[in-house]
Amino acid sequence: MNGVARRVIDGRTALDRAGAAAHTGAAYSTVNHWHRHRARFGFPEGFRSDGRQWFWLDDIETFHEAHQAAKRAELTKVDRRGHPNDLVGSGAAARILGYGSYRNLPDTLLERPDRTEMLPDGRQRRLWYRRTVWAVADARTGRQSTGRTPGTTGDRKPHPYADDPRLQTAIQLLNDAGTAGRDRRGLGAKLASKLGIPQRTAQRLLTEARRVAGLP
């Protein structure tokens, strides 16, 4: 990506895919998914100009408002019993959010536990404060919370990893690969190992790192 995110065309503001991701607060891969399955999600088809694909800003806002409304309509009831500072595991966190299994927990929780414990078999146990789980639930509707709410409220949200301290590690890794003249294959696995995170998260960090650093 060359860093271009928005442009005024014929008096209207247009966004490229990176701009649509930044404006909605979604990952770049999510925007690709929305567009690939636009018949299902109602994502705008967009248009091409100067060899790039663009979407009208007002079309993106209309889509995102409808998408968020549909998500809110499917939300589960949140269990707000208990003390905010209680630490809970993945099973309890799922029950608080009204999910039937910990496998339904959102990435915003799985990728940022408040604490971790190493189990005897070598697996890592993630723990969160109840207030953190409640904050994630509140973020689904834009409701303000006194807990640690991922992202920000308002009309425009930053990329989920925009303020992530791990982003600097990803940028440095990209820069090191460029300086050494190496290709970038395998960087996701290397970053995942370095930070102790899933490769899926590492790839998302690298995608945002490339955007922030203006790298292709």
N, C-alpha and C. Protein backbone atom coordinates (compact mmCIF):
# COMPACT_ATOMS: atom_id res chain seq x y z
N MET A 1 0.85 -1.20 0.00
CA MET A 1 0.00 0.00 0.00
C MET A 1 0.88 1.24 0.00
N ASN A 2 0.43 2.30 -0.67
CA ASN A 2 1.27 3.48 -0.76
C ASN A 2 0.88 4.56 0.22
N GLY A 3 -0.02 4.27 1.12
CA GLY A 3 -0.39 5.24 2.15
C GLY A 3 -1.59 6.08 1.81
N VAL A 4 -2.01 6.11 0.52
CA VAL A 4 -3.19 6.89 0.14
C VAL A 4 -4.42 6.24 0.72
N ALA A 5 -5.22 7.00 1.42
CA ALA A 5 -6.41 6.43 2.06
C ALA A 5 -7.70 7.10 1.58
N ARG A 6 -7.63 8.39 1.24
CA ARG A 6 -8.83 9.10 0.80
C ARG A 6 -8.47 10.12 -0.26
N ARG A 7 -9.47 10.47 -1.05
CA ARG A 7 -9.26 11.44 -2.13
C ARG A 7 -10.61 12.07 -2.46
N VAL A 8 -10.60 13.33 -2.86
CA VAL A 8 -11.81 14.00 -3.31
C VAL A 8 -11.91 13.84 -4.82
N ILE A 9 -12.97 13.21 -5.27
CA ILE A 9 -13.20 12.96 -6.69
C ILE A 9 -14.53 13.58 -7.08
N ASP A 10 -14.48 14.51 -8.00
CA ASP A 10 -15.71 15.20 -8.45
C ASP A 10 -16.48 15.78 -7.27
N GLY A 11 -15.76 16.31 -6.31
CA GLY A 11 -16.40 16.97 -5.18
C GLY A 11 -16.86 16.04 -4.07
N ARG A 12 -16.67 14.73 -4.24
CA ARG A 12 -17.08 13.76 -3.21
C ARG A 12 -15.84 13.07 -2.63
N THR A 13 -15.90 12.76 -1.35
CA THR A 13 -14.78 12.09 -0.69
C THR A 13 -14.88 10.59 -0.92
N ALA A 14 -13.77 10.02 -1.37
CA ALA A 14 -13.70 8.59 -1.62
C ALA A 14 -12.59 7.98 -0.77
N LEU A 15 -12.76 6.73 -0.38
CA LEU A 15 -11.78 6.00 0.41
C LEU A 15 -11.30 4.79 -0.37
N ASP A 16 -10.00 4.47 -0.24
CA ASP A 16 -9.55 3.18 -0.76
C ASP A 16 -9.79 2.14 0.33
N ARG A 17 -9.32 0.91 0.12
CA ARG A 17 -9.62 -0.13 1.10
C ARG A 17 -8.97 0.16 2.45
N ALA A 18 -7.76 0.70 2.43
CA ALA A 18 -7.10 1.05 3.69
C ALA A 18 -7.87 2.16 4.39
N GLY A 19 -8.40 3.11 3.62
CA GLY A 19 -9.19 4.18 4.20
C GLY A 19 -10.49 3.67 4.78
N ALA A 20 -11.12 2.71 4.08
CA ALA A 20 -12.36 2.11 4.60
C ALA A 20 -12.09 1.38 5.91
N ALA A 21 -10.94 0.70 5.99
CA ALA A 21 -10.58 0.00 7.22
C ALA A 21 -10.37 0.99 8.36
N ALA A 22 -9.63 2.06 8.08
CA ALA A 22 -9.35 3.05 9.12
C ALA A 22 -10.63 3.76 9.57
N HIS A 23 -11.52 4.04 8.63
CA HIS A 23 -12.73 4.79 8.96
C HIS A 23 -13.71 3.95 9.78
N THR A 24 -13.78 2.66 9.49
CA THR A 24 -14.72 1.79 10.21
C THR A 24 -14.11 1.15 11.43
N GLY A 25 -12.77 1.19 11.54
CA GLY A 25 -12.11 0.53 12.66
C GLY A 25 -11.94 -0.96 12.44
N ALA A 26 -12.20 -1.43 11.22
CA ALA A 26 -12.07 -2.85 10.90
C ALA A 26 -10.67 -3.15 10.40
N ALA A 27 -10.28 -4.40 10.46
CA ALA A 27 -9.01 -4.82 9.90
C ALA A 27 -9.10 -4.76 8.37
N TYR A 28 -7.96 -4.56 7.72
CA TYR A 28 -7.93 -4.51 6.25
C TYR A 28 -8.48 -5.80 5.66
N SER A 29 -8.15 -6.94 6.31
CA SER A 29 -8.64 -8.23 5.83
C SER A 29 -10.16 -8.33 5.96
N THR A 30 -10.72 -7.64 6.97
CA THR A 30 -12.17 -7.65 7.15
C THR A 30 -12.85 -6.89 6.01
N VAL A 31 -12.26 -5.76 5.62
CA VAL A 31 -12.80 -5.01 4.49
C VAL A 31 -12.77 -5.87 3.22
N ASN A 32 -11.67 -6.59 3.02
CA ASN A 32 -11.59 -7.50 1.88
C ASN A 32 -12.69 -8.55 1.94
N HIS A 33 -12.95 -9.07 3.15
CA HIS A 33 -14.00 -10.08 3.33
C HIS A 33 -15.37 -9.48 3.03
N TRP A 34 -15.62 -8.28 3.55
CA TRP A 34 -16.90 -7.62 3.27
C TRP A 34 -17.11 -7.44 1.77
N HIS A 35 -16.05 -7.00 1.08
CA HIS A 35 -16.20 -6.73 -0.35
C HIS A 35 -16.36 -8.02 -1.13
N ARG A 36 -15.61 -9.06 -0.75
CA ARG A 36 -15.70 -10.34 -1.45
C ARG A 36 -17.10 -10.93 -1.33
N HIS A 37 -17.73 -10.70 -0.17
CA HIS A 37 -19.07 -11.24 0.07
C HIS A 37 -20.09 -10.10 0.19
N ARG A 38 -19.94 -9.11 -0.68
CA ARG A 38 -20.78 -7.91 -0.58
C ARG A 38 -22.26 -8.20 -0.79
N ALA A 39 -22.57 -9.25 -1.56
CA ALA A 39 -23.99 -9.60 -1.73
C ALA A 39 -24.61 -10.00 -0.40
N ARG A 40 -23.80 -10.58 0.47
CA ARG A 40 -24.28 -11.01 1.79
C ARG A 40 -24.30 -9.86 2.78
N PHE A 41 -23.24 -9.03 2.76
CA PHE A 41 -23.11 -7.97 3.76
C PHE A 41 -23.68 -6.62 3.32
N GLY A 42 -23.89 -6.44 2.02
CA GLY A 42 -24.37 -5.16 1.55
C GLY A 42 -23.27 -4.12 1.42
N PHE A 43 -22.02 -4.58 1.33
CA PHE A 43 -20.90 -3.67 1.18
C PHE A 43 -20.93 -3.07 -0.22
N PRO A 44 -20.60 -1.77 -0.35
CA PRO A 44 -20.64 -1.13 -1.68
C PRO A 44 -19.65 -1.76 -2.65
N GLU A 45 -20.03 -1.78 -3.93
CA GLU A 45 -19.18 -2.39 -4.95
C GLU A 45 -17.94 -1.54 -5.21
N GLY A 46 -18.09 -0.22 -5.13
CA GLY A 46 -16.96 0.66 -5.37
C GLY A 46 -16.74 0.92 -6.85
N PHE A 47 -15.66 1.63 -7.16
CA PHE A 47 -15.34 1.96 -8.54
C PHE A 47 -13.82 2.10 -8.66
N ARG A 48 -13.33 2.12 -9.87
CA ARG A 48 -11.89 2.23 -10.09
C ARG A 48 -11.55 3.59 -10.67
N SER A 49 -10.44 4.14 -10.21
CA SER A 49 -9.94 5.43 -10.70
C SER A 49 -8.43 5.42 -10.56
N ASP A 50 -7.73 5.76 -11.64
CA ASP A 50 -6.27 5.78 -11.64
C ASP A 50 -5.68 4.44 -11.20
N GLY A 51 -6.34 3.36 -11.63
CA GLY A 51 -5.82 2.04 -11.33
C GLY A 51 -6.06 1.56 -9.92
N ARG A 52 -6.82 2.30 -9.14
CA ARG A 52 -7.11 1.91 -7.75
C ARG A 52 -8.61 1.76 -7.57
N GLN A 53 -8.95 1.00 -6.55
CA GLN A 53 -10.37 0.84 -6.22
C GLN A 53 -10.75 1.81 -5.13
N TRP A 54 -11.91 2.45 -5.29
CA TRP A 54 -12.37 3.46 -4.35
C TRP A 54 -13.82 3.18 -3.95
N PHE A 55 -14.18 3.73 -2.80
CA PHE A 55 -15.55 3.64 -2.31
C PHE A 55 -15.95 5.03 -1.82
N TRP A 56 -17.16 5.44 -2.13
CA TRP A 56 -17.62 6.74 -1.64
C TRP A 56 -17.75 6.69 -0.13
N LEU A 57 -17.28 7.74 0.53
CA LEU A 57 -17.30 7.80 1.99
C LEU A 57 -18.71 7.63 2.53
N ASP A 58 -19.69 8.31 1.91
CA ASP A 58 -21.05 8.20 2.44
C ASP A 58 -21.62 6.80 2.26
N ASP A 59 -21.19 6.07 1.20
CA ASP A 59 -21.64 4.69 1.02
C ASP A 59 -21.05 3.80 2.12
N ILE A 60 -19.77 4.04 2.47
CA ILE A 60 -19.14 3.26 3.53
C ILE A 60 -19.84 3.52 4.86
N GLU A 61 -20.16 4.78 5.14
CA GLU A 61 -20.82 5.11 6.40
C GLU A 61 -22.22 4.50 6.47
N THR A 62 -22.94 4.53 5.36
CA THR A 62 -24.28 3.92 5.33
C THR A 62 -24.18 2.42 5.58
N PHE A 63 -23.22 1.78 4.90
CA PHE A 63 -23.02 0.33 5.10
C PHE A 63 -22.67 0.03 6.55
N HIS A 64 -21.71 0.77 7.11
CA HIS A 64 -21.22 0.45 8.45
C HIS A 64 -22.30 0.67 9.51
N GLU A 65 -23.09 1.70 9.34
CA GLU A 65 -24.19 1.94 10.28
C GLU A 65 -25.18 0.78 10.26
N ALA A 66 -25.51 0.30 9.06
CA ALA A 66 -26.44 -0.82 8.94
C ALA A 66 -25.80 -2.11 9.48
N HIS A 67 -24.51 -2.27 9.22
CA HIS A 67 -23.81 -3.47 9.68
C HIS A 67 -23.76 -3.51 11.20
N GLN A 68 -23.47 -2.38 11.83
CA GLN A 68 -23.41 -2.32 13.29
C GLN A 68 -24.80 -2.54 13.89
N ALA A 69 -25.82 -2.00 13.26
CA ALA A 69 -27.18 -2.19 13.75
C ALA A 69 -27.56 -3.67 13.70
N ALA A 70 -27.16 -4.36 12.62
CA ALA A 70 -27.46 -5.78 12.51
C ALA A 70 -26.72 -6.58 13.58
N LYS A 71 -25.49 -6.19 13.85
CA LYS A 71 -24.72 -6.88 14.89
C LYS A 71 -25.35 -6.67 16.26
N ARG A 72 -25.80 -5.43 16.53
CA ARG A 72 -26.42 -5.15 17.83
C ARG A 72 -27.69 -5.96 18.02
N ALA A 73 -28.40 -6.19 16.92
CA ALA A 73 -29.65 -6.95 17.01
C ALA A 73 -29.42 -8.39 17.41
N GLU A 74 -28.18 -8.88 17.18
CA GLU A 74 -27.87 -10.27 17.48
C GLU A 74 -27.11 -10.43 18.79
N LEU A 75 -26.92 -9.35 19.53
CA LEU A 75 -26.12 -9.41 20.74
C LEU A 75 -26.76 -10.27 21.82
N THR A 76 -25.91 -10.91 22.58
CA THR A 76 -26.37 -11.71 23.71
C THR A 76 -26.49 -10.83 24.95
N LYS A 77 -27.23 -11.32 25.93
CA LYS A 77 -27.39 -10.59 27.18
C LYS A 77 -26.15 -10.76 28.04
N VAL A 78 -25.66 -9.65 28.59
CA VAL A 78 -24.43 -9.65 29.36
C VAL A 78 -24.74 -9.86 30.85
N ASP A 79 -23.98 -10.74 31.48
CA ASP A 79 -24.11 -10.98 32.92
C ASP A 79 -23.22 -9.97 33.66
N ARG A 80 -23.82 -9.05 34.38
CA ARG A 80 -23.06 -8.00 35.06
C ARG A 80 -22.97 -8.24 36.56
N ARG A 81 -23.19 -9.45 36.98
CA ARG A 81 -23.03 -9.78 38.40
C ARG A 81 -21.55 -9.93 38.72
N GLY A 82 -21.22 -9.74 40.01
CA GLY A 82 -19.85 -9.93 40.45
C GLY A 82 -19.08 -8.62 40.58
N HIS A 83 -17.88 -8.71 41.15
CA HIS A 83 -17.05 -7.53 41.37
C HIS A 83 -16.23 -7.22 40.13
N PRO A 84 -16.09 -5.96 39.74
CA PRO A 84 -15.33 -5.61 38.52
C PRO A 84 -13.90 -6.12 38.51
N ASN A 85 -13.29 -6.25 39.71
CA ASN A 85 -11.89 -6.65 39.77
C ASN A 85 -11.68 -8.16 39.89
N ASP A 86 -12.77 -8.94 39.84
CA ASP A 86 -12.63 -10.39 39.85
C ASP A 86 -11.92 -10.84 38.57
N LEU A 87 -10.97 -11.77 38.71
CA LEU A 87 -10.32 -12.35 37.53
C LEU A 87 -11.09 -13.60 37.10
N VAL A 88 -11.35 -13.71 35.81
CA VAL A 88 -12.10 -14.85 35.28
C VAL A 88 -11.34 -15.46 34.11
N GLY A 89 -11.55 -16.76 33.92
CA GLY A 89 -10.95 -17.46 32.80
C GLY A 89 -11.82 -17.40 31.56
N SER A 90 -11.40 -18.12 30.52
CA SER A 90 -12.11 -18.04 29.24
C SER A 90 -13.53 -18.57 29.33
N GLY A 91 -13.74 -19.64 30.11
CA GLY A 91 -15.09 -20.19 30.23
C GLY A 91 -16.03 -19.21 30.90
N ALA A 92 -15.58 -18.59 31.99
CA ALA A 92 -16.41 -17.61 32.70
C ALA A 92 -16.63 -16.38 31.84
N ALA A 93 -15.59 -15.95 31.11
CA ALA A 93 -15.73 -14.79 30.22
C ALA A 93 -16.79 -15.04 29.17
N ALA A 94 -16.81 -16.27 28.63
CA ALA A 94 -17.83 -16.61 27.63
C ALA A 94 -19.23 -16.55 28.25
N ARG A 95 -19.37 -17.07 29.46
CA ARG A 95 -20.69 -17.02 30.12
C ARG A 95 -21.12 -15.59 30.40
N ILE A 96 -20.17 -14.73 30.80
CA ILE A 96 -20.51 -13.32 31.04
C ILE A 96 -21.05 -12.68 29.78
N LEU A 97 -20.46 -13.02 28.64
CA LEU A 97 -20.89 -12.44 27.37
C LEU A 97 -22.11 -13.15 26.78
N GLY A 98 -22.53 -14.24 27.43
CA GLY A 98 -23.71 -14.95 26.96
C GLY A 98 -23.42 -15.96 25.88
N TYR A 99 -22.16 -16.35 25.71
CA TYR A 99 -21.79 -17.33 24.69
C TYR A 99 -21.82 -18.74 25.27
N GLY A 100 -22.07 -19.71 24.41
CA GLY A 100 -22.14 -21.08 24.87
C GLY A 100 -20.78 -21.75 25.01
N SER A 101 -19.74 -21.14 24.41
CA SER A 101 -18.41 -21.74 24.45
C SER A 101 -17.35 -20.65 24.43
N TYR A 102 -16.20 -20.94 25.04
CA TYR A 102 -15.07 -20.01 25.02
C TYR A 102 -14.56 -19.81 23.58
N ARG A 103 -14.89 -20.74 22.69
CA ARG A 103 -14.46 -20.61 21.29
C ARG A 103 -15.11 -19.41 20.60
N ASN A 104 -16.17 -18.87 21.19
CA ASN A 104 -16.85 -17.71 20.61
C ASN A 104 -16.27 -16.38 21.09
N LEU A 105 -15.28 -16.43 21.99
CA LEU A 105 -14.73 -15.19 22.51
C LEU A 105 -14.10 -14.36 21.39
N PRO A 106 -14.30 -13.04 21.41
CA PRO A 106 -13.74 -12.18 20.35
C PRO A 106 -12.23 -12.03 20.49
N ASP A 107 -11.60 -11.71 19.37
CA ASP A 107 -10.14 -11.53 19.37
C ASP A 107 -9.70 -10.44 20.33
N THR A 108 -10.54 -9.41 20.52
CA THR A 108 -10.15 -8.32 21.41
C THR A 108 -9.89 -8.81 22.82
N LEU A 109 -10.51 -9.90 23.22
CA LEU A 109 -10.21 -10.50 24.53
C LEU A 109 -9.05 -11.49 24.42
N LEU A 110 -9.12 -12.39 23.47
CA LEU A 110 -8.13 -13.45 23.37
C LEU A 110 -6.72 -12.92 23.19
N GLU A 111 -6.60 -11.80 22.46
CA GLU A 111 -5.28 -11.27 22.16
C GLU A 111 -4.72 -10.37 23.25
N ARG A 112 -5.57 -9.97 24.21
CA ARG A 112 -5.10 -9.03 25.24
C ARG A 112 -5.60 -9.42 26.63
N PRO A 113 -5.14 -10.52 27.15
CA PRO A 113 -5.54 -10.90 28.52
C PRO A 113 -4.94 -9.93 29.53
N ASP A 114 -5.63 -9.76 30.66
CA ASP A 114 -5.09 -8.92 31.73
C ASP A 114 -3.95 -9.63 32.44
N ARG A 115 -4.05 -10.96 32.53
CA ARG A 115 -2.99 -11.77 33.13
C ARG A 115 -2.91 -13.10 32.42
N THR A 116 -1.79 -13.76 32.53
CA THR A 116 -1.64 -15.10 31.99
C THR A 116 -0.98 -15.99 33.04
N GLU A 117 -1.33 -17.27 33.01
CA GLU A 117 -0.72 -18.25 33.91
C GLU A 117 -0.26 -19.44 33.08
N MET A 118 0.91 -19.97 33.37
CA MET A 118 1.40 -21.14 32.68
C MET A 118 0.92 -22.39 33.41
N LEU A 119 0.22 -23.24 32.71
CA LEU A 119 -0.30 -24.47 33.29
C LEU A 119 0.79 -25.55 33.29
N PRO A 120 0.64 -26.58 34.13
CA PRO A 120 1.65 -27.64 34.22
C PRO A 120 1.95 -28.31 32.89
N ASP A 121 0.96 -28.38 31.99
CA ASP A 121 1.18 -29.05 30.70
C ASP A 121 1.79 -28.13 29.66
N GLY A 122 2.15 -26.89 30.07
CA GLY A 122 2.79 -25.95 29.16
C GLY A 122 1.84 -25.01 28.44
N ARG A 123 0.55 -25.25 28.57
CA ARG A 123 -0.43 -24.35 27.95
C ARG A 123 -0.55 -23.07 28.76
N GLN A 124 -0.98 -22.03 28.08
CA GLN A 124 -1.13 -20.72 28.74
C GLN A 124 -2.59 -20.46 29.04
N ARG A 125 -2.86 -20.08 30.26
CA ARG A 125 -4.23 -19.76 30.66
C ARG A 125 -4.38 -18.24 30.67
N ARG A 126 -5.40 -17.75 29.96
CA ARG A 126 -5.67 -16.31 29.92
C ARG A 126 -6.69 -15.94 30.99
N LEU A 127 -6.48 -14.78 31.61
CA LEU A 127 -7.39 -14.28 32.64
C LEU A 127 -7.71 -12.82 32.36
N TRP A 128 -8.95 -12.45 32.67
CA TRP A 128 -9.38 -11.07 32.49
C TRP A 128 -10.14 -10.61 33.73
N TYR A 129 -10.09 -9.31 33.99
CA TYR A 129 -10.96 -8.73 35.01
C TYR A 129 -12.38 -8.70 34.43
N ARG A 130 -13.37 -8.84 35.33
CA ARG A 130 -14.76 -8.74 34.86
C ARG A 130 -14.98 -7.41 34.14
N ARG A 131 -14.37 -6.35 34.65
CA ARG A 131 -14.58 -5.03 34.03
C ARG A 131 -14.08 -5.01 32.59
N THR A 132 -13.02 -5.77 32.29
CA THR A 132 -12.51 -5.85 30.93
C THR A 132 -13.52 -6.55 30.02
N VAL A 133 -14.09 -7.64 30.52
CA VAL A 133 -15.10 -8.38 29.74
C VAL A 133 -16.32 -7.50 29.51
N TRP A 134 -16.73 -6.78 30.56
CA TRP A 134 -17.88 -5.87 30.40
C TRP A 134 -17.57 -4.77 29.37
N ALA A 135 -16.33 -4.28 29.39
CA ALA A 135 -15.95 -3.22 28.46
C ALA A 135 -16.02 -3.71 27.01
N VAL A 136 -15.63 -4.95 26.80
CA VAL A 136 -15.73 -5.52 25.45
C VAL A 136 -17.19 -5.62 25.02
N ALA A 137 -18.04 -6.02 25.97
CA ALA A 137 -19.47 -6.09 25.67
C ALA A 137 -20.03 -4.71 25.36
N ASP A 138 -19.61 -3.71 26.14
CA ASP A 138 -20.09 -2.34 25.92
C ASP A 138 -19.62 -1.79 24.58
N ALA A 139 -18.42 -2.19 24.15
CA ALA A 139 -17.87 -1.69 22.89
C ALA A 139 -18.70 -2.16 21.69
N ARG A 140 -19.46 -3.24 21.88
CA ARG A 140 -20.29 -3.74 20.78
C ARG A 140 -21.42 -2.78 20.46
N THR A 141 -21.84 -1.98 21.43
CA THR A 141 -22.96 -1.07 21.22
C THR A 141 -22.54 0.39 21.27
N GLY A 142 -21.25 0.65 21.57
CA GLY A 142 -20.79 2.02 21.70
C GLY A 142 -21.09 2.60 23.05
N ARG A 143 -21.58 1.78 23.97
CA ARG A 143 -21.89 2.25 25.31
C ARG A 143 -20.61 2.58 26.08
N GLN A 144 -20.62 3.68 26.82
CA GLN A 144 -19.46 4.07 27.60
C GLN A 144 -19.28 3.13 28.78
N SER A 145 -18.04 2.86 29.14
CA SER A 145 -17.76 1.98 30.26
C SER A 145 -16.65 2.56 31.10
N THR A 146 -16.66 2.27 32.40
CA THR A 146 -15.58 2.72 33.27
C THR A 146 -14.42 1.74 33.24
N GLY A 147 -14.59 0.64 32.51
CA GLY A 147 -13.52 -0.34 32.39
C GLY A 147 -12.59 0.00 31.24
N ARG A 148 -11.74 -0.95 30.87
CA ARG A 148 -10.78 -0.76 29.80
C ARG A 148 -11.43 -1.14 28.49
N THR A 149 -11.98 -0.15 27.80
CA THR A 149 -12.70 -0.40 26.56
C THR A 149 -11.74 -0.40 25.38
N PRO A 150 -11.71 -1.46 24.58
CA PRO A 150 -10.86 -1.48 23.41
C PRO A 150 -11.31 -0.43 22.42
N GLY A 151 -10.37 0.25 21.75
CA GLY A 151 -10.70 1.25 20.76
C GLY A 151 -11.24 2.51 21.40
N THR A 152 -11.98 3.30 20.64
CA THR A 152 -12.52 4.55 21.12
C THR A 152 -13.96 4.66 20.69
N THR A 153 -14.69 5.58 21.31
CA THR A 153 -16.05 5.85 20.89
C THR A 153 -16.04 7.04 19.95
N GLY A 154 -17.16 7.27 19.27
CA GLY A 154 -17.22 8.39 18.34
C GLY A 154 -17.54 7.88 16.95
N ASP A 155 -17.62 8.83 15.99
CA ASP A 155 -17.98 8.48 14.64
C ASP A 155 -16.89 7.70 13.93
N ARG A 156 -15.63 7.97 14.29
CA ARG A 156 -14.53 7.32 13.60
C ARG A 156 -13.63 6.65 14.60
N LYS A 157 -13.31 5.38 14.37
CA LYS A 157 -12.45 4.63 15.28
C LYS A 157 -11.13 4.32 14.60
N PRO A 158 -10.05 4.29 15.36
CA PRO A 158 -8.76 3.94 14.77
C PRO A 158 -8.71 2.45 14.46
N HIS A 159 -7.69 2.08 13.70
CA HIS A 159 -7.46 0.67 13.47
C HIS A 159 -7.26 -0.02 14.82
N PRO A 160 -7.76 -1.26 14.99
CA PRO A 160 -7.63 -1.94 16.28
C PRO A 160 -6.21 -2.00 16.82
N TYR A 161 -5.20 -1.96 15.94
CA TYR A 161 -3.82 -2.05 16.39
C TYR A 161 -3.08 -0.71 16.29
N ALA A 162 -3.84 0.38 16.06
CA ALA A 162 -3.20 1.68 15.84
C ALA A 162 -2.35 2.12 17.02
N ASP A 163 -2.78 1.85 18.24
CA ASP A 163 -2.04 2.27 19.43
C ASP A 163 -1.41 1.08 20.15
N ASP A 164 -1.29 -0.02 19.46
CA ASP A 164 -0.74 -1.23 20.07
C ASP A 164 0.78 -1.11 20.17
N PRO A 165 1.36 -1.24 21.36
CA PRO A 165 2.81 -1.12 21.49
C PRO A 165 3.56 -2.18 20.69
N ARG A 166 2.90 -3.29 20.38
CA ARG A 166 3.54 -4.34 19.59
C ARG A 166 3.76 -3.91 18.15
N LEU A 167 3.06 -2.84 17.74
CA LEU A 167 3.18 -2.37 16.36
C LEU A 167 4.60 -1.94 16.04
N GLN A 168 5.29 -1.33 17.00
CA GLN A 168 6.66 -0.89 16.76
C GLN A 168 7.59 -2.06 16.51
N THR A 169 7.34 -3.17 17.19
CA THR A 169 8.15 -4.37 16.95
C THR A 169 7.93 -4.87 15.54
N ALA A 170 6.68 -4.83 15.08
CA ALA A 170 6.36 -5.28 13.72
C ALA A 170 7.02 -4.37 12.68
N ILE A 171 6.98 -3.06 12.91
CA ILE A 171 7.60 -2.11 11.99
C ILE A 171 9.10 -2.33 11.93
N GLN A 172 9.72 -2.53 13.09
CA GLN A 172 11.16 -2.76 13.13
C GLN A 172 11.53 -4.03 12.38
N LEU A 173 10.71 -5.05 12.53
CA LEU A 173 10.96 -6.31 11.83
C LEU A 173 10.88 -6.12 10.32
N LEU A 174 9.90 -5.35 9.86
CA LEU A 174 9.79 -5.06 8.43
C LEU A 174 10.98 -4.26 7.93
N ASN A 175 11.38 -3.27 8.71
CA ASN A 175 12.53 -2.45 8.32
C ASN A 175 13.81 -3.27 8.27
N ASP A 176 13.99 -4.15 9.25
CA ASP A 176 15.18 -4.99 9.28
C ASP A 176 15.23 -5.90 8.06
N ALA A 177 14.08 -6.44 7.67
CA ALA A 177 14.03 -7.31 6.50
C ALA A 177 14.38 -6.54 5.24
N GLY A 178 13.90 -5.28 5.16
CA GLY A 178 14.19 -4.46 3.99
C GLY A 178 15.66 -4.07 3.92
N THR A 179 16.22 -3.73 5.07
CA THR A 179 17.63 -3.32 5.10
C THR A 179 18.54 -4.47 4.72
N ALA A 180 18.18 -5.67 5.15
CA ALA A 180 19.01 -6.84 4.88
C ALA A 180 18.78 -7.40 3.48
N GLY A 181 17.82 -6.83 2.75
CA GLY A 181 17.54 -7.29 1.40
C GLY A 181 16.82 -8.62 1.35
N ARG A 182 16.16 -9.00 2.43
CA ARG A 182 15.44 -10.27 2.48
C ARG A 182 13.98 -10.05 2.10
N ASP A 183 13.33 -11.10 1.57
CA ASP A 183 11.90 -10.99 1.34
C ASP A 183 11.19 -11.15 2.68
N ARG A 184 9.88 -10.94 2.68
CA ARG A 184 9.13 -10.89 3.94
C ARG A 184 8.40 -12.17 4.25
N ARG A 185 8.65 -13.20 3.49
CA ARG A 185 8.02 -14.48 3.79
C ARG A 185 8.53 -15.00 5.13
N GLY A 186 7.61 -15.47 5.94
CA GLY A 186 8.00 -16.00 7.24
C GLY A 186 8.05 -14.98 8.34
N LEU A 187 7.81 -13.70 8.02
CA LEU A 187 7.87 -12.67 9.06
C LEU A 187 6.73 -12.84 10.06
N GLY A 188 5.57 -13.33 9.59
CA GLY A 188 4.46 -13.54 10.51
C GLY A 188 4.81 -14.54 11.60
N ALA A 189 5.43 -15.65 11.18
CA ALA A 189 5.84 -16.66 12.16
C ALA A 189 6.92 -16.12 13.09
N LYS A 190 7.84 -15.34 12.53
CA LYS A 190 8.92 -14.78 13.34
C LYS A 190 8.38 -13.80 14.38
N LEU A 191 7.43 -12.93 13.94
CA LEU A 191 6.84 -11.96 14.87
C LEU A 191 6.02 -12.67 15.93
N ALA A 192 5.27 -13.71 15.52
CA ALA A 192 4.46 -14.46 16.48
C ALA A 192 5.35 -15.09 17.56
N SER A 193 6.48 -15.64 17.13
CA SER A 193 7.41 -16.26 18.09
C SER A 193 8.04 -15.22 19.00
N LYS A 194 8.38 -14.07 18.44
CA LYS A 194 9.04 -13.01 19.20
C LYS A 194 8.13 -12.43 20.28
N LEU A 195 6.85 -12.28 19.93
CA LEU A 195 5.90 -11.65 20.86
C LEU A 195 5.07 -12.66 21.65
N GLY A 196 5.15 -13.94 21.26
CA GLY A 196 4.35 -14.94 21.95
C GLY A 196 2.87 -14.80 21.67
N ILE A 197 2.52 -14.54 20.41
CA ILE A 197 1.12 -14.31 20.02
C ILE A 197 0.77 -15.26 18.88
N PRO A 198 -0.54 -15.46 18.60
CA PRO A 198 -0.94 -16.30 17.47
C PRO A 198 -0.46 -15.70 16.14
N GLN A 199 -0.19 -16.55 15.16
CA GLN A 199 0.27 -16.06 13.86
C GLN A 199 -0.78 -15.17 13.20
N ARG A 200 -2.06 -15.46 13.43
CA ARG A 200 -3.12 -14.62 12.86
C ARG A 200 -2.99 -13.18 13.35
N THR A 201 -2.72 -13.02 14.65
CA THR A 201 -2.52 -11.68 15.21
C THR A 201 -1.27 -11.04 14.64
N ALA A 202 -0.21 -11.83 14.50
CA ALA A 202 1.04 -11.31 13.97
C ALA A 202 0.85 -10.78 12.54
N GLN A 203 0.10 -11.51 11.73
CA GLN A 203 -0.14 -11.07 10.36
C GLN A 203 -0.93 -9.76 10.33
N ARG A 204 -1.88 -9.62 11.25
CA ARG A 204 -2.66 -8.37 11.29
C ARG A 204 -1.77 -7.20 11.71
N LEU A 205 -0.89 -7.46 12.66
CA LEU A 205 0.05 -6.42 13.09
C LEU A 205 0.96 -6.02 11.93
N LEU A 206 1.44 -6.98 11.17
CA LEU A 206 2.31 -6.68 10.04
C LEU A 206 1.56 -5.88 8.97
N THR A 207 0.29 -6.22 8.75
CA THR A 207 -0.52 -5.47 7.78
C THR A 207 -0.64 -4.01 8.19
N GLU A 208 -0.94 -3.76 9.47
CA GLU A 208 -1.05 -2.39 9.94
C GLU A 208 0.30 -1.71 9.97
N ALA A 209 1.36 -2.46 10.27
CA ALA A 209 2.71 -1.89 10.29
C ALA A 209 3.10 -1.39 8.89
N ARG A 210 2.77 -2.18 7.88
CA ARG A 210 3.06 -1.75 6.51
C ARG A 210 2.31 -0.47 6.14
N ARG A 211 1.05 -0.40 6.59
CA ARG A 211 0.27 0.81 6.30
C ARG A 211 0.86 2.02 6.99
N VAL A 212 1.18 1.88 8.28
CA VAL A 212 1.73 3.01 9.05
C VAL A 212 3.08 3.45 8.48
N ALA A 213 3.90 2.48 8.09
CA ALA A 213 5.25 2.80 7.59
C ALA A 213 5.26 3.16 6.12
N GLY A 214 4.10 3.04 5.45
CA GLY A 214 4.03 3.36 4.04
C GLY A 214 4.75 2.36 3.17
N LEU A 215 4.79 1.11 3.60
CA LEU A 215 5.49 0.07 2.85
C LEU A 215 4.51 -0.68 1.97
N PRO A 216 4.97 -1.20 0.82
CA PRO A 216 4.09 -1.94 -0.07
C PRO A 216 3.74 -3.30 0.50
